[in-house]
PDB file of N, CA and C in Angstrom:
ATOM      1  N   MET A   1       3.939  22.922   3.559  1.00  0.00           N
ATOM      2  CA  MET A   1       3.885  23.372   5.460  1.00  0.00           C
ATOM      3  C   MET A   1       3.039  21.500   5.337  1.00  0.00           C
ATOM      4  N   ALA A   2       2.948  21.227   6.487  1.00  0.00           N
ATOM      5  CA  ALA A   2       2.212  20.164   7.527  1.00  0.00           C
ATOM      6  C   ALA A   2       0.707  20.717   7.995  1.00  0.00           C
ATOM      7  N   ASP A   3      -0.323  20.373   7.586  1.00  0.00           N
ATOM      8  CA  ASP A   3      -1.325  20.672   7.323  1.00  0.00           C
ATOM      9  C   ASP A   3      -2.213  19.711   9.156  1.00  0.00           C
ATOM     10  N   ALA A   4      -1.405  19.954  10.460  1.00  0.00           N
ATOM     11  CA  ALA A   4      -2.274  19.362  11.774  1.00  0.00           C
ATOM     12  C   ALA A   4      -4.380  18.893  11.185  1.00  0.00           C
ATOM     13  N   LEU A   5      -4.507  18.990  10.793  1.00  0.00           N
ATOM     14  CA  LEU A   5      -6.126  17.909  10.762  1.00  0.00           C
ATOM     15  C   LEU A   5      -5.287  17.531  10.279  1.00  0.00           C
ATOM     16  N   LYS A   6      -5.295  17.704   8.653  1.00  0.00           N
ATOM     17  CA  LYS A   6      -5.340  16.160   8.085  1.00  0.00           C
ATOM     18  C   LYS A   6      -3.965  16.088   8.557  1.00  0.00           C
ATOM     19  N   MET A   7      -3.274  15.735   8.982  1.00  0.00           N
ATOM     20  CA  MET A   7      -2.134  14.954  10.128  1.00  0.00           C
ATOM     21  C   MET A   7      -3.077  14.529  10.474  1.00  0.00           C
ATOM     22  N   LYS A   8      -3.639  14.050  11.564  1.00  0.00           N
ATOM     23  CA  LYS A   8      -4.633  13.757  12.339  1.00  0.00           C
ATOM     24  C   LYS A   8      -6.000  12.417  11.681  1.00  0.00           C
ATOM     25  N   GLN A   9      -6.956  13.738  10.597  1.00  0.00           N
ATOM     26  CA  GLN A   9      -7.100  12.788  10.229  1.00  0.00           C
ATOM     27  C   GLN A   9      -6.398  11.453   9.582  1.00  0.00           C
ATOM     28  N   LEU A  10      -5.283  11.592   8.849  1.00  0.00           N
ATOM     29  CA  LEU A  10      -4.471  10.525   8.757  1.00  0.00           C
ATOM     30  C   LEU A  10      -4.562   9.652   9.541  1.00  0.00           C
ATOM     31  N   ILE A  11      -3.934  10.077  10.735  1.00  0.00           N
ATOM     32  CA  ILE A  11      -3.536   8.986  12.389  1.00  0.00           C
ATOM     33  C   ILE A  11      -4.462   8.617  12.459  1.00  0.00           C
ATOM     34  N   TRP A  12      -5.639   8.987  12.254  1.00  0.00           N
ATOM     35  CA  TRP A  12      -7.394   7.961  12.046  1.00  0.00           C
ATOM     36  C   TRP A  12      -7.758   7.339  11.381  1.00  0.00           C
ATOM     37  N   ASP A  13      -7.045   6.930  10.972  1.00  0.00           N
ATOM     38  CA  ASP A  13      -7.537   6.653   9.052  1.00  0.00           C
ATOM     39  C   ASP A  13      -6.699   5.472   9.945  1.00  0.00           C
ATOM     40  N   CYS A  14      -5.911   5.918   9.693  1.00  0.00           N
ATOM     41  CA  CYS A  14      -4.526   4.499   9.347  1.00  0.00           C
ATOM     42  C   CYS A  14      -4.770   3.169  11.538  1.00  0.00           C
ATOM     43  N   GLN A  15      -5.427   4.291  12.296  1.00  0.00           N
ATOM     44  CA  GLN A  15      -5.891   3.652  13.861  1.00  0.00           C
ATOM     45  C   GLN A  15      -7.253   2.838  13.640  1.00  0.00           C
ATOM     46  N   LYS A  16      -8.214   3.346  12.353  1.00  0.00           N
ATOM     47  CA  LYS A  16      -9.073   2.974  12.091  1.00  0.00           C
ATOM     48  C   LYS A  16      -8.842   1.333  11.432  1.00  0.00           C
ATOM     49  N   ASP A  17      -7.991   1.822  10.510  1.00  0.00           N
ATOM     50  CA  ASP A  17      -7.607   0.076   9.636  1.00  0.00           C
ATOM     51  C   ASP A  17      -6.971  -0.902  10.551  1.00  0.00           C
ATOM     52  N   VAL A  18      -6.254   0.216  11.488  1.00  0.00           N
ATOM     53  CA  VAL A  18      -5.783  -1.181  12.128  1.00  0.00           C
ATOM     54  C   VAL A  18      -6.946  -1.926  13.564  1.00  0.00           C
ATOM     55  N   ALA A  19      -7.959  -1.360  14.275  1.00  0.00           N
ATOM     56  CA  ALA A  19      -8.548  -1.469  14.385  1.00  0.00           C
ATOM     57  C   ALA A  19      -9.515  -3.125  13.867  1.00  0.00           C
ATOM     58  N   GLU A  20      -9.725  -2.361  12.636  1.00  0.00           N
ATOM     59  CA  GLU A  20     -10.580  -2.893  11.808  1.00  0.00           C
ATOM     60  C   GLU A  20      -9.994  -4.322  11.724  1.00  0.00           C
ATOM     61  N   TYR A  21      -8.429  -4.123  11.098  1.00  0.00           N
ATOM     62  CA  TYR A  21      -7.664  -5.035  11.082  1.00  0.00           C
ATOM     63  C   TYR A  21      -7.893  -6.646  12.113  1.00  0.00           C
ATOM     64  N   LEU A  22      -8.216  -5.683  13.797  1.00  0.00           N
ATOM     65  CA  LEU A  22      -7.518  -6.771  14.898  1.00  0.00           C
ATOM     66  C   LEU A  22      -8.837  -7.897  15.645  1.00  0.00           C
ATOM     67  N   PRO A  23     -10.693  -7.570  15.097  1.00  0.00           N
ATOM     68  CA  PRO A  23     -10.792  -8.558  15.722  1.00  0.00           C
ATOM     69  C   PRO A  23     -11.061  -9.981  14.388  1.00  0.00           C
ATOM     70  N   ASP A  24     -10.600 -10.912  14.924  1.00  0.00           N
ATOM     71  CA  ASP A  24     -10.659 -12.737  14.128  1.00  0.00           C
ATOM     72  C   ASP A  24     -11.957 -12.330  13.477  1.00  0.00           C
ATOM     73  N   GLU A  25     -13.206 -11.876  13.192  1.00  0.00           N
ATOM     74  CA  GLU A  25     -13.981 -12.110  12.298  1.00  0.00           C
ATOM     75  C   GLU A  25     -13.624 -11.231  11.710  1.00  0.00           C
ATOM     76  N   SER A  26     -12.635  -9.718  11.441  1.00  0.00           N
ATOM     77  CA  SER A  26     -11.802  -9.644  10.007  1.00  0.00           C
ATOM     78  C   SER A  26     -12.932 -10.251   8.658  1.00  0.00           C
ATOM     79  N   GLY A  27     -12.028 -10.539   8.873  1.00  0.00           N
ATOM     80  CA  GLY A  27     -11.133 -11.838   7.870  1.00  0.00           C
ATOM     81  C   GLY A  27     -10.022 -10.973   7.216  1.00  0.00           C
ATOM     82  N   THR A  28      -9.233  -9.645   7.213  1.00  0.00           N
ATOM     83  CA  THR A  28      -8.527  -9.353   6.789  1.00  0.00           C
ATOM     84  C   THR A  28      -6.856  -9.458   7.705  1.00  0.00           C
ATOM     85  N   SER A  29      -5.593 -10.310   7.104  1.00  0.00           N
ATOM     86  CA  SER A  29      -4.488 -10.582   6.911  1.00  0.00           C
ATOM     87  C   SER A  29      -4.022  -9.510   7.602  1.00  0.00           C
ATOM     88  N   GLU A  30      -3.039 -10.428   7.969  1.00  0.00           N
ATOM     89  CA  GLU A  30      -1.571  -9.566   8.786  1.00  0.00           C
ATOM     90  C   GLU A  30      -1.309  -8.393   6.899  1.00  0.00           C
ATOM     91  N   HIS A  31      -1.222  -8.343   6.013  1.00  0.00           N
ATOM     92  CA  HIS A  31      -0.590  -8.968   4.796  1.00  0.00           C
ATOM     93  C   HIS A  31      -1.434  -7.557   4.192  1.00  0.00           C
ATOM     94  N   GLU A  32      -2.564  -7.935   3.595  1.00  0.00           N
ATOM     95  CA  GLU A  32      -3.038  -6.927   3.857  1.00  0.00           C
ATOM     96  C   GLU A  32      -3.048  -5.245   4.201  1.00  0.00           C
ATOM     97  N   LEU A  33      -3.678  -6.068   6.257  1.00  0.00           N
ATOM     98  CA  LEU A  33      -3.245  -4.888   6.900  1.00  0.00           C
ATOM     99  C   LEU A  33      -1.667  -3.658   6.155  1.00  0.00           C
ATOM    100  N   VAL A  34      -0.995  -4.912   6.364  1.00  0.00           N
ATOM    101  CA  VAL A  34       0.231  -3.762   5.908  1.00  0.00           C
ATOM    102  C   VAL A  34       0.775  -3.052   4.569  1.00  0.00           C
ATOM    103  N   GLN A  35      -0.249  -4.157   3.071  1.00  0.00           N
ATOM    104  CA  GLN A  35      -0.215  -2.963   2.689  1.00  0.00           C
ATOM    105  C   GLN A  35      -1.569  -1.899   2.528  1.00  0.00           C
ATOM    106  N   THR A  36      -3.003  -1.799   2.603  1.00  0.00           N
ATOM    107  CA  THR A  36      -3.514  -0.624   2.608  1.00  0.00           C
ATOM    108  C   THR A  36      -2.658   0.178   3.945  1.00  0.00           C
ATOM    109  N   LEU A  37      -1.539   0.175   4.906  1.00  0.00           N
ATOM    110  CA  LEU A  37      -1.772   1.106   5.754  1.00  0.00           C
ATOM    111  C   LEU A  37      -0.279   1.547   5.249  1.00  0.00           C
ATOM    112  N   ILE A  38      -0.173   0.741   4.007  1.00  0.00           N
ATOM    113  CA  ILE A  38       1.563   1.500   3.244  1.00  0.00           C
ATOM    114  C   ILE A  38       0.848   2.122   1.735  1.00  0.00           C
ATOM    115  N   ALA A  39       0.010   1.708   1.295  1.00  0.00           N
ATOM    116  CA  ALA A  39      -0.775   2.737   0.363  1.00  0.00           C
ATOM    117  C   ALA A  39      -0.839   4.382   1.353  1.00  0.00           C
ATOM    118  N   ARG A  40      -1.704   3.682   2.731  1.00  0.00           N
ATOM    119  CA  ARG A  40      -2.252   5.235   3.075  1.00  0.00           C
ATOM    120  C   ARG A  40      -0.719   6.215   3.239  1.00  0.00           C
ATOM    121  N   LEU A  41      -0.009   6.116   3.695  1.00  0.00           N
ATOM    122  CA  LEU A  41       1.718   6.364   4.134  1.00  0.00           C
ATOM    123  C   LEU A  41       1.774   6.329   3.027  1.00  0.00           C
ATOM    124  N   ASP A  42       1.730   6.361   2.114  1.00  0.00           N
ATOM    125  CA  ASP A  42       2.833   6.398   0.950  1.00  0.00           C
ATOM    126  C   ASP A  42       1.651   7.057  -0.542  1.00  0.00           C
ATOM    127  N   GLY A  43       0.416   6.918   0.181  1.00  0.00           N
ATOM    128  CA  GLY A  43      -1.027   7.758  -1.179  1.00  0.00           C
ATOM    129  C   GLY A  43      -0.957   9.276  -0.687  1.00  0.00           C
ATOM    130  N   SER A  44      -1.647   9.699  -1.863  1.00  0.00           N
ATOM    131  CA  SER A  44      -2.651  11.233  -1.975  1.00  0.00           C
ATOM    132  C   SER A  44      -2.449  12.091  -0.468  1.00  0.00           C
ATOM    133  N   GLN A  45      -3.451  11.259   0.202  1.00  0.00           N
ATOM    134  CA  GLN A  45      -3.690  11.608   2.218  1.00  0.00           C
ATOM    135  C   GLN A  45      -2.697  12.317   2.624  1.00  0.00           C
ATOM    136  N   ALA A  46      -1.038  10.711   2.759  1.00  0.00           N
ATOM    137  CA  ALA A  46      -0.240  11.331   3.950  1.00  0.00           C
ATOM    138  C   ALA A  46       0.411  13.051   2.854  1.00  0.00           C
ATOM    139  N   ARG A  47       0.020  12.621   1.053  1.00  0.00           N
ATOM    140  CA  ARG A  47       0.735  14.396   0.942  1.00  0.00           C
ATOM    141  C   ARG A  47       0.148  15.354   0.806  1.00  0.00           C
ATOM    142  N   GLU A  48      -1.044  15.165   1.102  1.00  0.00           N
ATOM    143  CA  GLU A  48      -1.682  16.411   1.073  1.00  0.00           C
ATOM    144  C   GLU A  48      -1.050  17.004   2.529  1.00  0.00           C
ATOM    145  N   ALA A  49      -1.545  15.884   3.792  1.00  0.00           N
ATOM    146  CA  ALA A  49      -1.248  16.031   5.813  1.00  0.00           C
ATOM    147  C   ALA A  49       0.222  16.742   5.444  1.00  0.00           C
ATOM    148  N   LEU A  50       1.670  16.412   4.802  1.00  0.00           N
ATOM    149  CA  LEU A  50       2.594  16.907   4.711  1.00  0.00           C
ATOM    150  C   LEU A  50       2.464  17.920   3.915  1.00  0.00           C
ATOM    151  N   GLY A  51       2.425  18.493   3.363  1.00  0.00           N
ATOM    152  CA  GLY A  51       2.509  19.425   2.875  1.00  0.00           C
ATOM    153  C   GLY A  51       4.039  18.736   1.328  1.00  0.00           C
ATOM    154  N   ASP A  52       3.796  20.260   1.092  1.00  0.00           N
ATOM    155  CA  ASP A  52       5.097  20.633  -0.130  1.00  0.00           C
ATOM    156  C   ASP A  52       6.567  19.961   0.040  1.00  0.00           C
ATOM    157  N   ASP A  53       7.173  19.764   1.248  1.00  0.00           N
ATOM    158  CA  ASP A  53       7.877  18.897   1.088  1.00  0.00           C
ATOM    159  C   ASP A  53       8.683  18.044   1.579  1.00  0.00           C
ATOM    160  N   TRP A  54       6.629  16.654   1.597  1.00  0.00           N
ATOM    161  CA  TRP A  54       7.153  15.495   1.468  1.00  0.00           C
ATOM    162  C   TRP A  54       8.391  15.280  -0.065  1.00  0.00           C
ATOM    163  N   GLN A  55       8.724  14.061   0.779  1.00  0.00           N
ATOM    164  CA  GLN A  55       9.657  13.480   0.342  1.00  0.00           C
ATOM    165  C   GLN A  55       9.766  11.495   0.786  1.00  0.00           C
ATOM    166  N   GLY A  56       8.687  11.285   0.461  1.00  0.00           N
ATOM    167  CA  GLY A  56       8.167   9.807   0.496  1.00  0.00           C
ATOM    168  C   GLY A  56       8.736   9.480   1.793  1.00  0.00           C
ATOM    169  N   TRP A  57       8.591   7.646   2.154  1.00  0.00           N
ATOM    170  CA  TRP A  57       8.176   7.111   2.874  1.00  0.00           C
ATOM    171  C   TRP A  57       9.843   6.069   3.255  1.00  0.00           C
ATOM    172  N   TRP A  58      10.635   6.104   1.587  1.00  0.00           N
ATOM    173  CA  TRP A  58      11.617   5.015   0.862  1.00  0.00           C
ATOM    174  C   TRP A  58      12.409   5.912   1.259  1.00  0.00           C
ATOM    175  N   PRO A  59      13.536   5.220   2.537  1.00  0.00           N
ATOM    176  CA  PRO A  59      15.613   5.843   2.530  1.00  0.00           C
ATOM    177  C   PRO A  59      15.921   5.558   0.698  1.00  0.00           C
ATOM    178  N   ASP A  60      16.100   4.647  -0.154  1.00  0.00           N
ATOM    179  CA  ASP A  60      15.954   4.500  -1.566  1.00  0.00           C
ATOM    180  C   ASP A  60      14.673   5.810  -2.493  1.00  0.00           C
ATOM    181  N   ASP A  61      14.475   6.651  -2.203  1.00  0.00           N
ATOM    182  CA  ASP A  61      13.806   6.590  -2.688  1.00  0.00           C
ATOM    183  C   ASP A  61      14.588   8.560  -3.155  1.00  0.00           C
ATOM    184  N   ASP A  62      15.729   8.977  -4.270  1.00  0.00           N
ATOM    185  CA  ASP A  62      16.517   9.137  -4.419  1.00  0.00           C
ATOM    186  C   ASP A  62      16.736  10.787  -5.020  1.00  0.00           C
ATOM    187  N   ASP A  63      14.592  10.196  -5.730  1.00  0.00           N
ATOM    188  CA  ASP A  63      14.657  11.769  -6.314  1.00  0.00           C
ATOM    189  C   ASP A  63      12.800  12.371  -5.713  1.00  0.00           C
ATOM    190  N   GLY A  64      13.044  11.490  -4.437  1.00  0.00           N
ATOM    191  CA  GLY A  64      11.918  11.683  -3.648  1.00  0.00           C
ATOM    192  C   GLY A  64      10.358  12.136  -4.362  1.00  0.00           C
ATOM    193  N   ASP A  65       9.976  11.519  -5.517  1.00  0.00           N
ATOM    194  CA  ASP A  65       9.244  11.531  -5.699  1.00  0.00           C
ATOM    195  C   ASP A  65       8.369   9.813  -4.888  1.00  0.00           C
ATOM    196  N   GLY A  66       8.463   9.156  -4.749  1.00  0.00           N
ATOM    197  CA  GLY A  66       8.025   8.154  -3.684  1.00  0.00           C
ATOM    198  C   GLY A  66       7.274   7.267  -4.875  1.00  0.00           C
ATOM    199  N   ASP A  67       7.934   7.638  -5.556  1.00  0.00           N
ATOM    200  CA  ASP A  67       7.648   5.828  -6.366  1.00  0.00           C
ATOM    201  C   ASP A  67       8.776   4.763  -6.484  1.00  0.00           C
ATOM    202  N   ASP A  68       9.643   4.778  -5.503  1.00  0.00           N
ATOM    203  CA  ASP A  68      10.342   3.237  -4.698  1.00  0.00           C
ATOM    204  C   ASP A  68      10.607   2.822  -3.890  1.00  0.00           C
ATOM    205  N   SER A  69       8.542   2.077  -3.701  1.00  0.00           N
ATOM    206  CA  SER A  69       8.096   2.008  -3.089  1.00  0.00           C
ATOM    207  C   SER A  69       7.722   0.354  -3.288  1.00  0.00           C
ATOM    208  N   PRO A  70       8.696  -0.419  -1.610  1.00  0.00           N
ATOM    209  CA  PRO A  70       7.672  -2.472  -2.914  1.00  0.00           C
ATOM    210  C   PRO A  70       7.247  -2.982  -3.590  1.00  0.00           C
ATOM    211  N   LEU A  71       6.046  -1.822  -2.524  1.00  0.00           N
ATOM    212  CA  LEU A  71       4.337  -2.518  -3.385  1.00  0.00           C
ATOM    213  C   LEU A  71       3.758  -1.744  -4.572  1.00  0.00           C
ATOM    214  N   PRO A  72       4.418  -1.533  -5.201  1.00  0.00           N
ATOM    215  CA  PRO A  72       2.605  -1.804  -6.605  1.00  0.00           C
ATOM    216  C   PRO A  72       1.589  -0.294  -5.889  1.00  0.00           C
ATOM    217  N   GLN A  73       1.852   0.919  -6.625  1.00  0.00           N
ATOM    218  CA  GLN A  73       0.728   2.007  -6.264  1.00  0.00           C
ATOM    219  C   GLN A  73      -0.414   1.467  -6.034  1.00  0.00           C
ATOM    220  N   GLN A  74      -1.067   1.177  -4.842  1.00  0.00           N
ATOM    221  CA  GLN A  74      -2.733   1.284  -5.366  1.00  0.00           C
ATOM    222  C   GLN A  74      -3.449   1.953  -5.448  1.00  0.00           C
ATOM    223  N   PRO A  75      -5.222   2.148  -5.298  1.00  0.00           N
ATOM    224  CA  PRO A  75      -5.645   3.178  -4.983  1.00  0.00           C
ATOM    225  C   PRO A  75      -6.157   2.883  -3.612  1.00  0.00           C
ATOM    226  N   LEU A  76      -6.193   4.043  -3.298  1.00  0.00           N
ATOM    227  CA  LEU A  76      -7.048   4.183  -1.725  1.00  0.00           C
ATOM    228  C   LEU A  76      -7.555   3.339  -1.675  1.00  0.00           C
ATOM    229  N   PRO A  77      -8.756   3.520  -0.670  1.00  0.00           N
ATOM    230  CA  PRO A  77      -9.998   2.892  -0.300  1.00  0.00           C
ATOM    231  C   PRO A  77     -10.899   4.104  -0.044  1.00  0.00           C
ATOM    232  N   GLU A  78     -11.562   4.582  -0.470  1.00  0.00           N
ATOM    233  CA  GLU A  78     -12.558   5.378   0.300  1.00  0.00           C
ATOM    234  C   GLU A  78     -13.326   5.308   1.420  1.00  0.00           C
ATOM    235  N   PRO A  79     -12.228   7.241   2.081  1.00  0.00           N
ATOM    236  CA  PRO A  79     -13.690   6.686   3.329  1.00  0.00           C
ATOM    237  C   PRO A  79     -15.336   6.528   2.935  1.00  0.00           C
ATOM    238  N   ALA A  80     -15.573   5.809   4.526  1.00  0.00           N
ATOM    239  CA  ALA A  80     -16.055   5.376   5.248  1.00  0.00           C
ATOM    240  C   ALA A  80     -17.656   7.072   5.590  1.00  0.00           C
TER     241      ALA A  80
END
């Protein structure tokens, strides 16, 4: 079962990632932002927030283990 507080934190963290990207002086490329968001949405934070029924984001993830992501698995940045 999904955890509402963990879902809110996941959403806030994604919003923070986008907000950090927006200023021109951030130095973060669009590609880096997308990688960060995908890693966050396909990582342990999303699995914890969404619960045991989480099947992964990718439509071709036939076995439901989330390993068919088009990007290599990367460690998530530690929360500030």
